[in-house]
N, C-alpha and C. Protein backbone atom coordinates (compact mmCIF):
# COMPACT_ATOMS: atom_id res chain seq x y z
N UNK A 1 -12.76 14.85 30.02
CA UNK A 1 -12.59 14.52 28.60
C UNK A 1 -13.47 13.33 28.24
N UNK A 2 -14.20 13.43 27.13
CA UNK A 2 -15.08 12.33 26.72
C UNK A 2 -14.27 11.17 26.19
N UNK A 3 -14.90 10.00 26.15
CA UNK A 3 -14.22 8.79 25.66
C UNK A 3 -13.85 8.96 24.20
N UNK A 4 -14.75 9.55 23.38
CA UNK A 4 -14.48 9.72 21.96
C UNK A 4 -13.30 10.66 21.73
N UNK A 5 -13.22 11.73 22.55
CA UNK A 5 -12.11 12.67 22.41
C UNK A 5 -10.80 12.00 22.76
N UNK A 6 -10.83 11.18 23.80
CA UNK A 6 -9.61 10.47 24.21
C UNK A 6 -9.15 9.51 23.13
N UNK A 7 -10.10 8.81 22.52
CA UNK A 7 -9.76 7.88 21.44
C UNK A 7 -9.18 8.62 20.25
N UNK A 8 -9.77 9.80 19.93
CA UNK A 8 -9.29 10.59 18.80
C UNK A 8 -7.87 11.07 19.04
N UNK A 9 -7.60 11.55 20.25
CA UNK A 9 -6.25 12.02 20.58
C UNK A 9 -5.26 10.87 20.52
N UNK A 10 -5.67 9.72 21.05
CA UNK A 10 -4.79 8.55 21.02
C UNK A 10 -4.48 8.13 19.60
N UNK A 11 -5.48 8.22 18.73
CA UNK A 11 -5.28 7.83 17.33
C UNK A 11 -4.29 8.76 16.65
N UNK A 12 -4.41 10.07 16.91
CA UNK A 12 -3.51 11.04 16.31
C UNK A 12 -2.08 10.85 16.82
N UNK A 13 -1.94 10.67 18.13
CA UNK A 13 -0.61 10.46 18.71
C UNK A 13 0.01 9.19 18.15
N UNK A 14 -0.81 8.14 18.04
CA UNK A 14 -0.31 6.88 17.49
C UNK A 14 0.16 7.05 16.05
N UNK A 15 -0.57 7.86 15.28
CA UNK A 15 -0.20 8.10 13.89
C UNK A 15 1.14 8.82 13.80
N UNK A 16 1.35 9.81 14.68
CA UNK A 16 2.61 10.55 14.68
C UNK A 16 3.77 9.64 15.02
N UNK A 17 3.58 8.80 16.04
CA UNK A 17 4.63 7.86 16.43
C UNK A 17 4.95 6.92 15.28
N UNK A 18 3.91 6.46 14.59
CA UNK A 18 4.11 5.52 13.48
C UNK A 18 4.88 6.17 12.34
N UNK A 19 4.54 7.41 12.00
CA UNK A 19 5.23 8.11 10.92
C UNK A 19 6.71 8.25 11.24
N UNK A 20 7.02 8.61 12.48
CA UNK A 20 8.42 8.74 12.89
C UNK A 20 9.12 7.40 12.81
N UNK A 21 8.44 6.34 13.26
CA UNK A 21 9.05 5.01 13.24
C UNK A 21 9.37 4.56 11.83
N UNK A 22 8.43 4.78 10.90
CA UNK A 22 8.67 4.39 9.51
C UNK A 22 9.81 5.21 8.92
N UNK A 23 9.83 6.51 9.23
CA UNK A 23 10.89 7.38 8.70
C UNK A 23 12.26 6.91 9.17
N UNK A 24 12.35 6.45 10.40
CA UNK A 24 13.63 5.98 10.93
C UNK A 24 14.04 4.64 10.33
N UNK A 25 13.06 3.85 9.94
CA UNK A 25 13.36 2.52 9.42
C UNK A 25 13.73 2.52 7.95
N UNK A 26 13.18 3.48 7.20
CA UNK A 26 13.40 3.50 5.76
C UNK A 26 14.78 4.02 5.42
N UNK A 27 15.50 3.29 4.59
CA UNK A 27 16.82 3.72 4.12
C UNK A 27 16.63 4.77 3.05
N UNK A 28 17.50 5.78 3.01
CA UNK A 28 17.40 6.82 2.00
C UNK A 28 17.57 6.22 0.61
N UNK A 29 16.79 6.68 -0.39
CA UNK A 29 16.83 6.10 -1.73
C UNK A 29 18.22 6.00 -2.33
N UNK A 30 19.04 7.07 -2.21
CA UNK A 30 20.35 7.01 -2.84
C UNK A 30 21.24 5.95 -2.19
N UNK A 31 21.09 5.77 -0.86
CA UNK A 31 21.86 4.74 -0.17
C UNK A 31 21.45 3.36 -0.65
N UNK A 32 20.13 3.16 -0.80
CA UNK A 32 19.63 1.86 -1.22
C UNK A 32 20.07 1.53 -2.64
N UNK A 33 20.02 2.51 -3.54
CA UNK A 33 20.38 2.27 -4.92
C UNK A 33 21.85 1.91 -5.04
N UNK A 34 22.70 2.53 -4.22
CA UNK A 34 24.12 2.19 -4.24
C UNK A 34 24.31 0.75 -3.77
N UNK A 35 23.59 0.37 -2.73
CA UNK A 35 23.69 -1.00 -2.22
C UNK A 35 23.22 -1.99 -3.27
N UNK A 36 22.12 -1.64 -3.94
CA UNK A 36 21.58 -2.53 -4.96
C UNK A 36 22.57 -2.69 -6.11
N UNK A 37 23.17 -1.59 -6.53
CA UNK A 37 24.10 -1.66 -7.65
C UNK A 37 25.33 -2.48 -7.28
N UNK A 38 25.74 -2.36 -6.01
CA UNK A 38 26.93 -3.08 -5.57
C UNK A 38 26.66 -4.57 -5.43
N UNK A 39 25.48 -4.92 -4.92
CA UNK A 39 25.17 -6.32 -4.67
C UNK A 39 24.71 -7.05 -5.92
N UNK A 40 23.99 -6.31 -6.79
CA UNK A 40 23.45 -6.93 -7.99
C UNK A 40 22.33 -7.91 -7.70
N UNK A 41 21.83 -7.91 -6.46
CA UNK A 41 20.78 -8.85 -6.08
C UNK A 41 19.45 -8.42 -6.67
N UNK A 42 18.69 -9.36 -7.21
CA UNK A 42 17.38 -9.01 -7.77
C UNK A 42 16.40 -8.64 -6.66
N UNK A 43 15.49 -7.75 -6.96
CA UNK A 43 14.48 -7.33 -6.00
C UNK A 43 13.32 -8.32 -6.04
N UNK A 44 12.89 -8.75 -4.88
CA UNK A 44 11.75 -9.66 -4.78
C UNK A 44 10.47 -8.83 -4.79
N UNK A 45 9.82 -8.75 -5.94
CA UNK A 45 8.65 -7.89 -6.06
C UNK A 45 7.44 -8.44 -5.32
N UNK A 46 7.35 -9.75 -5.21
CA UNK A 46 6.27 -10.36 -4.43
C UNK A 46 6.92 -11.18 -3.32
N UNK A 47 6.94 -10.59 -2.13
CA UNK A 47 7.54 -11.25 -0.98
C UNK A 47 6.47 -12.06 -0.25
N UNK A 48 6.90 -12.79 0.75
CA UNK A 48 5.96 -13.62 1.51
C UNK A 48 4.87 -12.78 2.16
N UNK A 49 5.22 -11.56 2.57
CA UNK A 49 4.26 -10.70 3.26
C UNK A 49 3.44 -9.82 2.33
N UNK A 50 3.73 -9.87 1.03
CA UNK A 50 3.02 -9.01 0.07
C UNK A 50 1.53 -9.36 0.01
N UNK A 51 0.71 -8.33 -0.07
CA UNK A 51 -0.73 -8.55 -0.17
C UNK A 51 -1.10 -8.90 -1.61
N UNK A 52 -1.48 -10.14 -1.82
CA UNK A 52 -1.90 -10.61 -3.14
C UNK A 52 -3.42 -10.57 -3.19
N UNK A 53 -3.94 -9.73 -4.07
CA UNK A 53 -5.39 -9.58 -4.18
C UNK A 53 -6.02 -10.72 -4.95
N UNK A 54 -5.34 -11.17 -6.00
CA UNK A 54 -5.82 -12.29 -6.82
C UNK A 54 -4.63 -13.16 -7.19
N UNK A 55 -4.74 -14.45 -6.94
CA UNK A 55 -3.66 -15.39 -7.27
C UNK A 55 -4.15 -16.31 -8.38
N UNK A 56 -3.59 -16.13 -9.58
CA UNK A 56 -4.02 -16.93 -10.73
C UNK A 56 -3.10 -18.11 -11.00
N UNK A 57 -2.18 -18.39 -10.10
CA UNK A 57 -1.31 -19.54 -10.28
C UNK A 57 0.08 -19.19 -10.74
N UNK A 58 0.96 -20.18 -10.73
CA UNK A 58 2.38 -19.96 -10.99
C UNK A 58 2.67 -19.46 -12.40
N UNK A 59 1.92 -19.88 -13.39
CA UNK A 59 2.22 -19.52 -14.78
C UNK A 59 1.55 -18.23 -15.23
N UNK A 60 0.75 -17.64 -14.38
CA UNK A 60 0.01 -16.43 -14.76
C UNK A 60 0.89 -15.19 -14.71
N UNK A 61 0.63 -14.21 -15.56
CA UNK A 61 1.32 -12.92 -15.45
C UNK A 61 1.07 -12.32 -14.07
N UNK A 62 2.06 -11.59 -13.56
CA UNK A 62 1.95 -10.99 -12.23
C UNK A 62 2.04 -9.47 -12.34
N UNK A 63 1.02 -8.80 -11.85
CA UNK A 63 0.99 -7.34 -11.81
C UNK A 63 1.22 -6.90 -10.37
N UNK A 64 2.23 -6.08 -10.15
CA UNK A 64 2.53 -5.56 -8.82
C UNK A 64 2.43 -4.04 -8.87
N UNK A 65 1.64 -3.48 -7.97
CA UNK A 65 1.49 -2.03 -7.89
C UNK A 65 2.09 -1.51 -6.59
N UNK A 66 2.98 -0.54 -6.69
CA UNK A 66 3.46 0.20 -5.53
C UNK A 66 2.61 1.47 -5.45
N UNK A 67 1.99 1.69 -4.31
CA UNK A 67 1.00 2.76 -4.22
C UNK A 67 1.12 3.54 -2.92
N UNK A 68 0.44 4.68 -2.92
CA UNK A 68 0.35 5.57 -1.77
C UNK A 68 -1.13 5.90 -1.61
N UNK A 69 -1.70 5.62 -0.44
CA UNK A 69 -3.14 5.82 -0.25
C UNK A 69 -3.57 7.28 -0.42
N UNK A 70 -2.65 8.22 -0.20
CA UNK A 70 -3.02 9.63 -0.29
C UNK A 70 -2.68 10.23 -1.65
N UNK A 71 -2.13 9.42 -2.53
CA UNK A 71 -1.75 9.88 -3.87
C UNK A 71 -2.99 9.99 -4.76
N UNK A 72 -3.28 11.19 -5.30
CA UNK A 72 -4.46 11.35 -6.17
C UNK A 72 -4.44 10.43 -7.39
N UNK A 73 -3.26 10.26 -8.00
CA UNK A 73 -3.17 9.40 -9.18
C UNK A 73 -3.49 7.95 -8.82
N UNK A 74 -3.05 7.52 -7.64
CA UNK A 74 -3.37 6.16 -7.19
C UNK A 74 -4.87 6.01 -7.00
N UNK A 75 -5.49 7.06 -6.47
CA UNK A 75 -6.94 7.04 -6.30
C UNK A 75 -7.65 6.94 -7.64
N UNK A 76 -7.12 7.60 -8.66
CA UNK A 76 -7.72 7.54 -9.98
C UNK A 76 -7.51 6.18 -10.62
N UNK A 77 -6.38 5.55 -10.33
CA UNK A 77 -6.10 4.23 -10.90
C UNK A 77 -6.86 3.11 -10.20
N UNK A 78 -7.29 3.35 -8.96
CA UNK A 78 -7.91 2.27 -8.19
C UNK A 78 -9.09 1.62 -8.92
N UNK A 79 -10.08 2.38 -9.41
CA UNK A 79 -11.19 1.72 -10.12
C UNK A 79 -10.75 1.03 -11.40
N UNK A 80 -9.68 1.54 -12.02
CA UNK A 80 -9.16 0.90 -13.24
C UNK A 80 -8.58 -0.47 -12.89
N UNK A 81 -7.81 -0.51 -11.80
CA UNK A 81 -7.24 -1.78 -11.36
C UNK A 81 -8.34 -2.76 -10.97
N UNK A 82 -9.37 -2.26 -10.30
CA UNK A 82 -10.48 -3.14 -9.91
C UNK A 82 -11.18 -3.70 -11.14
N UNK A 83 -11.32 -2.89 -12.17
CA UNK A 83 -11.92 -3.36 -13.42
C UNK A 83 -11.04 -4.43 -14.07
N UNK A 84 -9.73 -4.21 -14.07
CA UNK A 84 -8.81 -5.19 -14.64
C UNK A 84 -8.85 -6.50 -13.86
N UNK A 85 -8.94 -6.41 -12.55
CA UNK A 85 -9.03 -7.61 -11.72
C UNK A 85 -10.26 -8.43 -12.09
N UNK A 86 -11.35 -7.74 -12.31
CA UNK A 86 -12.60 -8.44 -12.66
C UNK A 86 -12.51 -9.08 -14.04
N UNK A 87 -11.95 -8.34 -14.99
CA UNK A 87 -11.89 -8.83 -16.36
C UNK A 87 -10.88 -9.95 -16.56
N UNK A 88 -9.80 -9.92 -15.76
CA UNK A 88 -8.75 -10.93 -15.91
C UNK A 88 -8.73 -11.92 -14.75
N UNK A 89 -9.87 -12.07 -14.11
CA UNK A 89 -9.96 -12.99 -12.98
C UNK A 89 -9.58 -14.41 -13.42
N UNK A 90 -8.69 -15.03 -12.66
CA UNK A 90 -8.24 -16.37 -12.98
C UNK A 90 -7.14 -16.43 -14.01
N UNK A 91 -6.80 -15.28 -14.61
CA UNK A 91 -5.75 -15.24 -15.63
C UNK A 91 -4.50 -14.49 -15.18
N UNK A 92 -4.70 -13.51 -14.29
CA UNK A 92 -3.60 -12.63 -13.88
C UNK A 92 -3.56 -12.52 -12.36
N UNK A 93 -2.36 -12.55 -11.81
CA UNK A 93 -2.16 -12.33 -10.37
C UNK A 93 -1.93 -10.85 -10.13
N UNK A 94 -2.66 -10.29 -9.16
CA UNK A 94 -2.52 -8.88 -8.81
C UNK A 94 -2.03 -8.77 -7.36
N UNK A 95 -0.97 -7.99 -7.16
CA UNK A 95 -0.43 -7.78 -5.82
C UNK A 95 -0.18 -6.29 -5.61
N UNK A 96 -0.23 -5.85 -4.36
CA UNK A 96 -0.03 -4.44 -4.05
C UNK A 96 0.98 -4.28 -2.92
N UNK A 97 1.74 -3.17 -2.97
CA UNK A 97 2.74 -2.90 -1.94
C UNK A 97 2.74 -1.42 -1.58
N UNK A 98 2.97 -1.15 -0.30
CA UNK A 98 2.96 0.22 0.20
C UNK A 98 4.18 1.01 -0.29
N UNK A 99 3.94 2.27 -0.67
CA UNK A 99 5.04 3.17 -1.01
C UNK A 99 4.62 4.59 -0.62
N UNK A 100 4.49 4.85 0.69
CA UNK A 100 4.04 6.17 1.15
C UNK A 100 5.06 7.26 0.86
N UNK A 101 4.62 8.31 0.20
CA UNK A 101 5.50 9.41 -0.17
C UNK A 101 5.59 10.44 0.96
N UNK A 102 6.74 11.08 1.07
CA UNK A 102 6.97 12.02 2.17
C UNK A 102 6.01 13.21 2.14
N UNK A 103 5.56 13.60 0.98
CA UNK A 103 4.67 14.75 0.88
C UNK A 103 3.24 14.47 1.27
N UNK A 104 2.94 13.23 1.64
CA UNK A 104 1.58 12.84 2.00
C UNK A 104 1.55 12.37 3.45
N UNK A 105 1.26 13.26 4.39
CA UNK A 105 1.35 12.93 5.82
C UNK A 105 0.40 11.84 6.29
N UNK A 106 -0.69 11.62 5.56
CA UNK A 106 -1.64 10.59 5.98
C UNK A 106 -1.42 9.25 5.30
N UNK A 107 -0.40 9.17 4.45
CA UNK A 107 -0.16 7.93 3.72
C UNK A 107 0.28 6.79 4.64
N UNK A 108 1.16 7.09 5.59
CA UNK A 108 1.62 6.05 6.52
C UNK A 108 0.50 5.62 7.46
N UNK A 109 -0.24 6.55 8.09
CA UNK A 109 -1.36 6.11 8.92
C UNK A 109 -2.39 5.29 8.15
N UNK A 110 -2.62 5.63 6.88
CA UNK A 110 -3.55 4.85 6.07
C UNK A 110 -3.02 3.44 5.84
N UNK A 111 -1.73 3.34 5.54
CA UNK A 111 -1.12 2.02 5.35
C UNK A 111 -1.19 1.21 6.64
N UNK A 112 -0.99 1.88 7.77
CA UNK A 112 -1.07 1.20 9.06
C UNK A 112 -2.48 0.68 9.32
N UNK A 113 -3.48 1.48 8.93
CA UNK A 113 -4.87 1.05 9.09
C UNK A 113 -5.14 -0.19 8.24
N UNK A 114 -4.63 -0.18 7.01
CA UNK A 114 -4.82 -1.33 6.12
C UNK A 114 -4.11 -2.56 6.67
N UNK A 115 -2.91 -2.35 7.20
CA UNK A 115 -2.13 -3.47 7.73
C UNK A 115 -2.79 -4.04 8.99
N UNK A 116 -3.33 -3.16 9.82
CA UNK A 116 -4.03 -3.61 11.02
C UNK A 116 -5.28 -4.40 10.64
N UNK A 117 -5.96 -3.95 9.59
CA UNK A 117 -7.14 -4.68 9.11
C UNK A 117 -6.72 -6.03 8.52
N UNK A 118 -5.57 -6.05 7.86
CA UNK A 118 -5.07 -7.29 7.26
C UNK A 118 -4.87 -8.37 8.32
N UNK A 119 -4.44 -7.97 9.50
CA UNK A 119 -4.21 -8.93 10.57
C UNK A 119 -5.50 -9.58 11.04
N UNK A 120 -6.63 -8.98 10.66
CA UNK A 120 -7.92 -9.57 10.99
C UNK A 120 -8.66 -10.04 9.73
N UNK A 121 -7.89 -10.23 8.65
CA UNK A 121 -8.46 -10.78 7.42
C UNK A 121 -9.29 -9.81 6.61
N UNK A 122 -9.11 -8.50 6.84
CA UNK A 122 -9.93 -7.51 6.15
C UNK A 122 -9.10 -6.50 5.37
N UNK A 123 -7.94 -6.93 4.87
CA UNK A 123 -7.11 -5.99 4.12
C UNK A 123 -7.84 -5.42 2.91
N UNK A 124 -8.40 -6.29 2.10
CA UNK A 124 -9.00 -5.83 0.85
C UNK A 124 -10.15 -4.86 1.10
N UNK A 125 -10.95 -5.12 2.13
CA UNK A 125 -12.07 -4.23 2.44
C UNK A 125 -11.56 -2.85 2.87
N UNK A 126 -10.53 -2.82 3.71
CA UNK A 126 -9.98 -1.54 4.15
C UNK A 126 -9.26 -0.84 3.00
N UNK A 127 -8.54 -1.61 2.20
CA UNK A 127 -7.83 -1.07 1.03
C UNK A 127 -8.81 -0.33 0.11
N UNK A 128 -9.92 -0.97 -0.18
CA UNK A 128 -10.92 -0.36 -1.05
C UNK A 128 -11.54 0.87 -0.40
N UNK A 129 -11.83 0.76 0.90
CA UNK A 129 -12.48 1.87 1.60
C UNK A 129 -11.58 3.11 1.62
N UNK A 130 -10.31 2.91 1.84
CA UNK A 130 -9.37 4.04 1.90
C UNK A 130 -9.30 4.77 0.57
N UNK A 131 -9.29 4.03 -0.52
CA UNK A 131 -9.24 4.69 -1.82
C UNK A 131 -10.59 5.32 -2.19
N UNK A 132 -11.66 4.64 -1.87
CA UNK A 132 -12.99 5.16 -2.23
C UNK A 132 -13.33 6.44 -1.48
N UNK A 133 -12.72 6.64 -0.31
CA UNK A 133 -13.01 7.83 0.50
C UNK A 133 -11.83 8.79 0.54
N UNK A 134 -10.87 8.61 -0.34
CA UNK A 134 -9.64 9.40 -0.29
C UNK A 134 -9.90 10.90 -0.21
N UNK A 135 -10.85 11.39 -0.98
CA UNK A 135 -11.13 12.82 -1.02
C UNK A 135 -11.63 13.35 0.32
N UNK A 136 -12.16 12.47 1.16
CA UNK A 136 -12.72 12.89 2.45
C UNK A 136 -11.65 13.07 3.52
N UNK A 137 -10.54 12.32 3.44
CA UNK A 137 -9.55 12.37 4.52
C UNK A 137 -8.18 12.88 4.10
N UNK A 138 -7.89 12.90 2.80
CA UNK A 138 -6.58 13.35 2.34
C UNK A 138 -6.34 14.80 2.78
N UNK A 139 -5.20 15.03 3.41
CA UNK A 139 -4.84 16.37 3.84
C UNK A 139 -5.48 16.82 5.14
N UNK A 140 -6.29 15.97 5.77
CA UNK A 140 -6.93 16.36 7.02
C UNK A 140 -6.02 16.04 8.21
N UNK A 141 -6.33 16.64 9.36
CA UNK A 141 -5.49 16.45 10.54
C UNK A 141 -5.95 15.30 11.42
N UNK A 142 -7.15 14.80 11.20
CA UNK A 142 -7.68 13.73 12.05
C UNK A 142 -7.93 12.45 11.27
N UNK A 143 -7.10 12.21 10.26
CA UNK A 143 -7.29 11.05 9.40
C UNK A 143 -7.22 9.74 10.17
N UNK A 144 -6.32 9.65 11.15
CA UNK A 144 -6.18 8.40 11.92
C UNK A 144 -7.48 8.05 12.62
N UNK A 145 -8.17 9.06 13.13
CA UNK A 145 -9.46 8.81 13.78
C UNK A 145 -10.50 8.37 12.75
N UNK A 146 -10.41 8.94 11.55
CA UNK A 146 -11.32 8.54 10.47
C UNK A 146 -11.09 7.08 10.11
N UNK A 147 -9.84 6.68 10.02
CA UNK A 147 -9.51 5.29 9.69
C UNK A 147 -10.02 4.35 10.78
N UNK A 148 -9.94 4.80 12.02
CA UNK A 148 -10.43 3.98 13.12
C UNK A 148 -11.94 3.77 12.99
N UNK A 149 -12.62 4.82 12.50
CA UNK A 149 -14.05 4.69 12.26
C UNK A 149 -14.35 3.65 11.20
N UNK A 150 -13.51 3.61 10.16
CA UNK A 150 -13.69 2.59 9.12
C UNK A 150 -13.52 1.19 9.72
N UNK A 151 -12.53 1.06 10.60
CA UNK A 151 -12.29 -0.24 11.24
C UNK A 151 -13.50 -0.68 12.05
N UNK A 152 -14.11 0.26 12.73
CA UNK A 152 -15.31 -0.06 13.50
C UNK A 152 -16.44 -0.51 12.58
N UNK A 153 -16.58 0.18 11.45
CA UNK A 153 -17.63 -0.18 10.49
C UNK A 153 -17.40 -1.56 9.89
N UNK A 154 -16.14 -1.96 9.79
CA UNK A 154 -15.82 -3.29 9.26
C UNK A 154 -15.99 -4.38 10.32
N UNK A 155 -16.30 -3.96 11.54
CA UNK A 155 -16.52 -4.92 12.61
C UNK A 155 -15.24 -5.51 13.18
N UNK A 156 -14.13 -4.77 13.09
CA UNK A 156 -12.87 -5.29 13.60
C UNK A 156 -12.83 -5.25 15.12
N UNK A 157 -12.00 -6.10 15.68
CA UNK A 157 -11.70 -6.06 17.11
C UNK A 157 -10.87 -4.80 17.33
N UNK A 158 -11.45 -3.80 17.98
CA UNK A 158 -10.80 -2.50 18.04
C UNK A 158 -9.57 -2.48 18.96
N UNK A 159 -9.57 -3.29 19.98
CA UNK A 159 -8.38 -3.36 20.84
C UNK A 159 -7.20 -3.90 20.04
N UNK A 160 -7.46 -4.93 19.25
CA UNK A 160 -6.40 -5.52 18.41
C UNK A 160 -6.00 -4.54 17.31
N UNK A 161 -6.98 -3.83 16.77
CA UNK A 161 -6.69 -2.85 15.72
C UNK A 161 -5.78 -1.75 16.26
N UNK A 162 -6.14 -1.18 17.41
CA UNK A 162 -5.35 -0.10 18.00
C UNK A 162 -3.92 -0.55 18.29
N UNK A 163 -3.79 -1.77 18.79
CA UNK A 163 -2.46 -2.29 19.10
C UNK A 163 -1.64 -2.46 17.82
N UNK A 164 -2.28 -2.97 16.77
CA UNK A 164 -1.57 -3.22 15.51
C UNK A 164 -1.15 -1.91 14.84
N UNK A 165 -2.01 -0.91 14.88
CA UNK A 165 -1.71 0.37 14.24
C UNK A 165 -0.44 1.00 14.82
N UNK A 166 -0.27 0.88 16.12
CA UNK A 166 0.88 1.50 16.76
C UNK A 166 2.08 0.59 16.96
N UNK A 167 1.99 -0.63 16.46
CA UNK A 167 3.05 -1.61 16.70
C UNK A 167 4.28 -1.36 15.84
N UNK A 168 5.44 -1.65 16.41
CA UNK A 168 6.70 -1.55 15.68
C UNK A 168 6.69 -2.46 14.46
N UNK A 169 6.07 -3.62 14.60
CA UNK A 169 6.02 -4.58 13.49
C UNK A 169 5.28 -3.99 12.29
N UNK A 170 4.26 -3.18 12.57
CA UNK A 170 3.51 -2.55 11.48
C UNK A 170 4.38 -1.53 10.75
N UNK A 171 5.10 -0.73 11.52
CA UNK A 171 6.02 0.24 10.92
C UNK A 171 7.06 -0.47 10.07
N UNK A 172 7.58 -1.58 10.58
CA UNK A 172 8.59 -2.34 9.84
C UNK A 172 8.01 -2.93 8.56
N UNK A 173 6.76 -3.36 8.63
CA UNK A 173 6.10 -3.95 7.46
C UNK A 173 5.95 -2.92 6.35
N UNK A 174 5.54 -1.71 6.71
CA UNK A 174 5.38 -0.63 5.72
C UNK A 174 6.74 -0.23 5.15
N UNK A 175 7.73 -0.10 6.04
CA UNK A 175 9.07 0.27 5.60
C UNK A 175 9.68 -0.79 4.70
N UNK A 176 9.36 -2.06 4.95
CA UNK A 176 9.86 -3.16 4.13
C UNK A 176 9.38 -3.01 2.69
N UNK A 177 8.10 -2.72 2.52
CA UNK A 177 7.55 -2.52 1.18
C UNK A 177 8.19 -1.31 0.51
N UNK A 178 8.29 -0.23 1.27
CA UNK A 178 8.88 1.00 0.72
C UNK A 178 10.30 0.74 0.23
N UNK A 179 11.08 0.05 1.06
CA UNK A 179 12.46 -0.21 0.69
C UNK A 179 12.56 -1.10 -0.54
N UNK A 180 11.66 -2.07 -0.65
CA UNK A 180 11.64 -2.92 -1.84
C UNK A 180 11.36 -2.09 -3.08
N UNK A 181 10.46 -1.11 -2.94
CA UNK A 181 10.16 -0.23 -4.06
C UNK A 181 11.36 0.60 -4.46
N UNK A 182 12.04 1.16 -3.47
CA UNK A 182 13.24 1.95 -3.75
C UNK A 182 14.28 1.09 -4.47
N UNK A 183 14.49 -0.12 -3.96
CA UNK A 183 15.47 -1.02 -4.57
C UNK A 183 15.09 -1.39 -6.00
N UNK A 184 13.78 -1.39 -6.28
CA UNK A 184 13.31 -1.75 -7.62
C UNK A 184 13.28 -0.55 -8.56
N UNK A 185 13.63 0.63 -8.03
CA UNK A 185 13.66 1.82 -8.87
C UNK A 185 12.40 2.65 -8.86
N UNK A 186 11.50 2.37 -7.92
CA UNK A 186 10.26 3.15 -7.82
C UNK A 186 10.58 4.56 -7.32
N UNK A 187 10.06 5.56 -8.00
CA UNK A 187 10.29 6.95 -7.61
C UNK A 187 9.00 7.73 -7.43
N UNK A 188 7.90 7.17 -7.91
CA UNK A 188 6.61 7.86 -7.79
C UNK A 188 5.51 6.81 -7.73
N UNK A 189 4.31 7.28 -7.47
CA UNK A 189 3.17 6.36 -7.40
C UNK A 189 2.04 6.86 -8.31
N UNK A 190 1.26 5.94 -8.87
CA UNK A 190 1.48 4.49 -8.78
C UNK A 190 2.57 4.04 -9.73
N UNK A 191 3.29 3.00 -9.34
CA UNK A 191 4.25 2.36 -10.23
C UNK A 191 3.85 0.90 -10.37
N UNK A 192 3.74 0.45 -11.62
CA UNK A 192 3.31 -0.92 -11.89
C UNK A 192 4.45 -1.73 -12.50
N UNK A 193 4.51 -2.99 -12.11
CA UNK A 193 5.41 -3.96 -12.72
C UNK A 193 4.55 -5.09 -13.28
N UNK A 194 4.84 -5.51 -14.49
CA UNK A 194 4.16 -6.66 -15.07
C UNK A 194 5.23 -7.69 -15.40
N UNK A 195 5.15 -8.82 -14.73
CA UNK A 195 6.17 -9.87 -14.86
C UNK A 195 7.58 -9.32 -14.67
N UNK A 196 7.72 -8.46 -13.67
CA UNK A 196 9.04 -7.95 -13.30
C UNK A 196 9.51 -6.73 -14.06
N UNK A 197 8.78 -6.33 -15.09
CA UNK A 197 9.17 -5.18 -15.90
C UNK A 197 8.39 -3.94 -15.47
N UNK A 198 9.12 -2.88 -15.12
CA UNK A 198 8.46 -1.65 -14.71
C UNK A 198 7.85 -0.94 -15.91
N UNK A 199 6.60 -0.51 -15.75
CA UNK A 199 5.91 0.18 -16.84
C UNK A 199 6.18 1.68 -16.79
N UNK A 200 6.29 2.28 -17.96
CA UNK A 200 6.36 3.73 -18.07
C UNK A 200 4.96 4.21 -18.44
N UNK A 201 4.22 4.63 -17.44
CA UNK A 201 2.82 4.98 -17.65
C UNK A 201 2.68 6.29 -18.41
N UNK A 202 1.96 6.22 -19.50
CA UNK A 202 1.62 7.42 -20.26
C UNK A 202 0.11 7.56 -20.40
N UNK A 203 -0.58 6.44 -20.17
CA UNK A 203 -2.02 6.41 -20.36
C UNK A 203 -2.62 5.38 -19.42
N UNK A 204 -3.89 5.55 -19.08
CA UNK A 204 -4.56 4.61 -18.19
C UNK A 204 -4.60 3.20 -18.78
N UNK A 205 -4.53 3.10 -20.10
CA UNK A 205 -4.63 1.80 -20.76
C UNK A 205 -3.30 1.04 -20.79
N UNK A 206 -2.22 1.66 -20.32
CA UNK A 206 -0.91 1.04 -20.43
C UNK A 206 -0.81 -0.27 -19.63
N UNK A 207 -1.48 -0.33 -18.49
CA UNK A 207 -1.43 -1.55 -17.68
C UNK A 207 -2.12 -2.69 -18.43
N UNK A 208 -3.27 -2.41 -19.00
CA UNK A 208 -3.99 -3.43 -19.76
C UNK A 208 -3.17 -3.89 -20.96
N UNK A 209 -2.52 -2.95 -21.64
CA UNK A 209 -1.70 -3.30 -22.80
C UNK A 209 -0.58 -4.25 -22.39
N UNK A 210 0.05 -3.97 -21.26
CA UNK A 210 1.14 -4.82 -20.77
C UNK A 210 0.62 -6.20 -20.37
N UNK A 211 -0.56 -6.24 -19.79
CA UNK A 211 -1.16 -7.52 -19.42
C UNK A 211 -1.43 -8.37 -20.66
N UNK A 212 -2.01 -7.74 -21.67
CA UNK A 212 -2.31 -8.47 -22.90
C UNK A 212 -1.04 -9.01 -23.54
N UNK A 213 0.03 -8.22 -23.51
CA UNK A 213 1.30 -8.67 -24.07
C UNK A 213 1.85 -9.86 -23.28
N UNK A 214 1.71 -9.81 -21.96
CA UNK A 214 2.19 -10.90 -21.12
C UNK A 214 1.39 -12.17 -21.35
N UNK A 215 0.09 -12.03 -21.52
CA UNK A 215 -0.76 -13.20 -21.77
C UNK A 215 -0.48 -13.83 -23.13
N UNK A 216 -0.02 -13.01 -24.07
CA UNK A 216 0.23 -13.50 -25.42
C UNK A 216 1.55 -14.26 -25.54
N UNK A 217 2.41 -14.12 -24.54
CA UNK A 217 3.72 -14.77 -24.61
C UNK A 217 3.61 -16.28 -24.39
């Protein structure tokens, strides 16, 4: 067996193990909603571990997106969010959180790839790469190997990357974001919150409209 074939098989096996681990860690939505209703505790939309793409300071409006890397709508929104980040640089804080949907088998491996890259300071680069190439790997059987190729192109330490992708801590990190989304009432992706208020998306411009309203307050 060639070295490349062995790496590819290891990547696929690691992805399967990770998907199972996340599935076991995530609480069922109806169970979580009952707990939330009983406790009345507010959901922390931006936790210490949340990936903040742009930090505009304490008084700035905060946009939080719950997303799925394999979700077509999330892929369509990605360039829109990037445009908003550029236009509102220094005025608005943008943060993102994982919310892999069950119908997207490559969503968890993609999130694991992003999280492994984050541990080496390259979350944003991997985040962008995954969305920009979504059409190439969505629905494929060797996506984990594709993601590993992206990591190599980013110049990551591959031994550390491989370890992080398959780590229990990575599965827990993804499940933590997912559970926060469930507790906050997220049911689909992308779901946006602006200053804690969930948006009912009807148009691509709805996020910008909410940002403008928040800035005007």
